[in-house]
Amino acid sequence: PKPQHEKDEKTTGELLSKLEAADLLKFGLIPEFVGRLPVVATLDDLDENALVKILTEPKNALVKQYQSLFKMENVALTFTPEACHAIARKALERKTGARGLRSILENLLLDLMFDLSSIQNLKEVVVNEEFVNGQADPLLVYEEKDTQQSAS
């Protein structure tokens, strides 16, 4: 057993999952209002893996949206799994949750998207963890052009 002076560290989601109508009354809500709430539902906090799923899995996932934008310029956009986890960690650090994922991606890729059309022979952009953390530029893969000319 734990000593009484040690508190259990619980997340907000864990605490709210135990919320009852009587708690809302003690908080100061009037009974007429509380009576109109048939169900009190709470949500768990998103963790890193949940944010990565949000970033990559839905039909309109952010990663897929940016890949489509790059495809318009005939450039493939690839995110390494480590990069996706780094983006999720940034959202957790900022406490912005899933809504913060778009702004993080926008900050990462805005300059690159602006310059896409002017970069010759660019075939693919690989976003890795170092780029997300600001330690390196993204990996740019160029097409090889034939330097041989046919002899007539």
Protein backbone atom coordinates (compact mmCIF):
# COMPACT_ATOMS: atom_id res chain seq x y z
CA PRO A 1 0.00 0.00 0.00
CA LYS A 2 1.05 3.56 -0.73
CA PRO A 3 1.68 6.01 2.07
CA GLN A 4 -1.22 8.42 2.49
CA HIS A 5 0.87 11.48 1.76
CA GLU A 6 1.59 10.25 -1.81
CA LYS A 7 -1.05 11.27 -4.31
CA ASP A 8 -2.05 9.18 -7.30
CA GLU A 9 -1.20 11.08 -10.47
CA LYS A 10 -4.22 10.84 -12.74
CA THR A 11 -4.87 12.54 -16.04
CA THR A 12 -7.81 14.85 -16.55
CA GLY A 13 -9.49 12.23 -18.73
CA GLU A 14 -9.22 9.61 -15.97
CA LEU A 15 -10.71 11.99 -13.42
CA LEU A 16 -13.55 13.11 -15.69
CA SER A 17 -14.47 9.49 -16.48
CA LYS A 18 -15.71 9.21 -12.89
CA LEU A 19 -17.86 12.37 -13.15
CA GLU A 20 -21.46 12.08 -11.98
CA ALA A 21 -24.46 14.40 -12.00
CA ALA A 22 -23.97 15.14 -8.30
CA ASP A 23 -20.49 16.47 -9.07
CA LEU A 24 -21.95 18.93 -11.56
CA LEU A 25 -24.39 20.14 -8.90
CA LYS A 26 -21.54 20.61 -6.41
CA PHE A 27 -19.65 22.54 -9.08
CA GLY A 28 -22.51 25.03 -9.18
CA LEU A 29 -24.70 24.02 -12.12
CA ILE A 30 -28.41 24.31 -11.42
CA PRO A 31 -30.44 21.08 -11.07
CA GLU A 32 -32.75 22.06 -13.94
CA PHE A 33 -29.78 22.15 -16.31
CA VAL A 34 -28.14 18.98 -14.98
CA GLY A 35 -31.47 17.15 -15.34
CA ARG A 36 -31.43 17.88 -19.07
CA LEU A 37 -28.11 16.05 -19.50
CA PRO A 38 -29.15 12.43 -20.04
CA VAL A 39 -25.58 11.20 -20.41
CA VAL A 40 -22.29 12.66 -19.34
CA ALA A 41 -19.62 11.45 -21.76
CA THR A 42 -15.91 12.04 -21.40
CA LEU A 43 -13.02 11.57 -23.79
CA ASP A 44 -9.60 10.17 -23.08
CA ASP A 45 -6.53 12.24 -23.81
CA LEU A 46 -4.84 11.49 -27.12
CA ASP A 47 -1.45 9.83 -26.88
CA GLU A 48 1.38 9.80 -29.42
CA ASN A 49 0.16 6.67 -31.22
CA ALA A 50 -3.37 8.06 -31.56
CA LEU A 51 -2.00 11.28 -33.07
CA VAL A 52 0.11 9.29 -35.55
CA LYS A 53 -3.03 7.38 -36.59
CA ILE A 54 -4.91 10.65 -37.05
CA LEU A 55 -2.01 11.96 -39.12
CA THR A 56 -1.81 8.97 -41.45
CA GLU A 57 -4.84 6.67 -41.48
CA PRO A 58 -8.12 8.47 -42.32
CA LYS A 59 -9.17 8.91 -45.94
CA ASN A 60 -8.49 12.64 -45.71
CA ALA A 61 -5.46 12.36 -43.39
CA LEU A 62 -3.09 15.32 -43.31
CA VAL A 63 -0.18 13.29 -44.69
CA LYS A 64 -2.33 12.25 -47.66
CA GLN A 65 -3.44 15.84 -48.25
CA TYR A 66 0.14 17.08 -48.42
CA GLN A 67 1.13 14.16 -50.63
CA SER A 68 -1.63 15.20 -53.05
CA LEU A 69 -0.38 18.78 -53.07
CA PHE A 70 3.14 17.64 -53.88
CA LYS A 71 1.82 15.25 -56.53
CA MET A 72 0.37 18.25 -58.38
CA GLU A 73 3.98 19.32 -58.91
CA ASN A 74 4.98 15.75 -59.91
CA VAL A 75 6.94 15.28 -56.69
CA ALA A 76 6.44 12.38 -54.29
CA LEU A 77 6.26 13.22 -50.59
CA THR A 78 7.29 10.54 -48.11
CA PHE A 79 7.11 10.67 -44.33
CA THR A 80 9.23 8.24 -42.34
CA PRO A 81 7.46 6.61 -39.36
CA GLU A 82 9.92 8.39 -37.05
CA ALA A 83 8.91 11.75 -38.59
CA CYS A 84 5.24 11.06 -37.92
CA HIS A 85 6.02 10.24 -34.30
CA ALA A 86 8.13 13.41 -33.99
CA ILE A 87 5.22 15.49 -35.35
CA ALA A 88 2.88 13.83 -32.83
CA ARG A 89 5.34 14.56 -30.00
CA LYS A 90 5.43 18.23 -31.03
CA ALA A 91 1.63 18.38 -30.86
CA LEU A 92 1.72 16.80 -27.40
CA GLU A 93 4.40 19.24 -26.21
CA ARG A 94 2.34 22.18 -27.44
CA LYS A 95 -0.80 20.65 -25.89
CA THR A 96 -2.66 21.30 -29.16
CA GLY A 97 -3.81 17.73 -29.78
CA ALA A 98 -5.02 16.73 -33.22
CA ARG A 99 -5.82 20.31 -34.22
CA GLY A 100 -2.17 21.26 -33.88
CA LEU A 101 -1.00 18.67 -36.39
CA ARG A 102 -1.97 20.84 -39.38
CA SER A 103 -0.08 23.90 -38.15
CA ILE A 104 3.01 21.80 -37.46
CA LEU A 105 2.93 20.35 -40.98
CA GLU A 106 2.24 23.78 -42.46
CA ASN A 107 5.27 25.26 -40.69
CA LEU A 108 7.45 22.38 -41.85
CA LEU A 109 6.44 22.28 -45.49
CA LEU A 110 5.35 25.81 -46.41
CA ASP A 111 8.71 27.08 -47.67
CA LEU A 112 9.36 23.84 -49.51
CA MET A 113 5.95 23.93 -51.22
CA PHE A 114 6.60 27.50 -52.29
CA ASP A 115 9.92 26.49 -53.90
CA LEU A 116 8.72 23.21 -55.46
CA SER A 117 8.11 24.53 -58.95
CA SER A 118 11.54 26.14 -59.15
CA ILE A 119 13.56 23.05 -58.13
CA GLN A 120 14.62 21.26 -61.32
CA ASN A 121 14.45 17.44 -61.62
CA LEU A 122 13.07 16.95 -58.11
CA LYS A 123 11.48 13.52 -57.85
CA GLU A 124 10.81 13.00 -54.14
CA VAL A 125 10.93 14.77 -50.79
CA VAL A 126 11.51 12.60 -47.73
CA VAL A 127 10.48 14.09 -44.39
CA ASN A 128 12.50 12.49 -41.60
CA GLU A 129 12.75 12.99 -37.84
CA GLU A 130 15.78 15.27 -38.10
CA PHE A 131 13.86 17.63 -40.41
CA VAL A 132 10.86 17.70 -38.07
CA ASN A 133 13.14 18.51 -35.13
CA GLY A 134 14.90 21.29 -37.09
CA GLN A 135 18.25 19.48 -37.12
CA ALA A 136 18.49 18.98 -40.91
CA ASP A 137 16.86 19.78 -44.21
CA PRO A 138 14.49 17.29 -45.78
CA LEU A 139 16.00 14.66 -48.02
CA LEU A 140 15.56 15.67 -51.67
CA VAL A 141 15.73 12.96 -54.32
CA TYR A 142 16.41 14.08 -57.89
CA GLU A 143 15.74 12.34 -61.19
CA GLU A 144 18.79 11.22 -63.09
CA LYS A 145 18.91 12.81 -66.51
CA ASP A 146 20.62 11.01 -69.36
CA THR A 147 23.81 12.88 -70.15
CA GLN A 148 24.52 10.76 -73.23
CA GLN A 149 23.46 12.20 -76.54
CA SER A 150 22.66 9.91 -79.41
CA ALA A 151 25.28 9.95 -82.17
CA SER A 152 23.88 10.70 -85.62
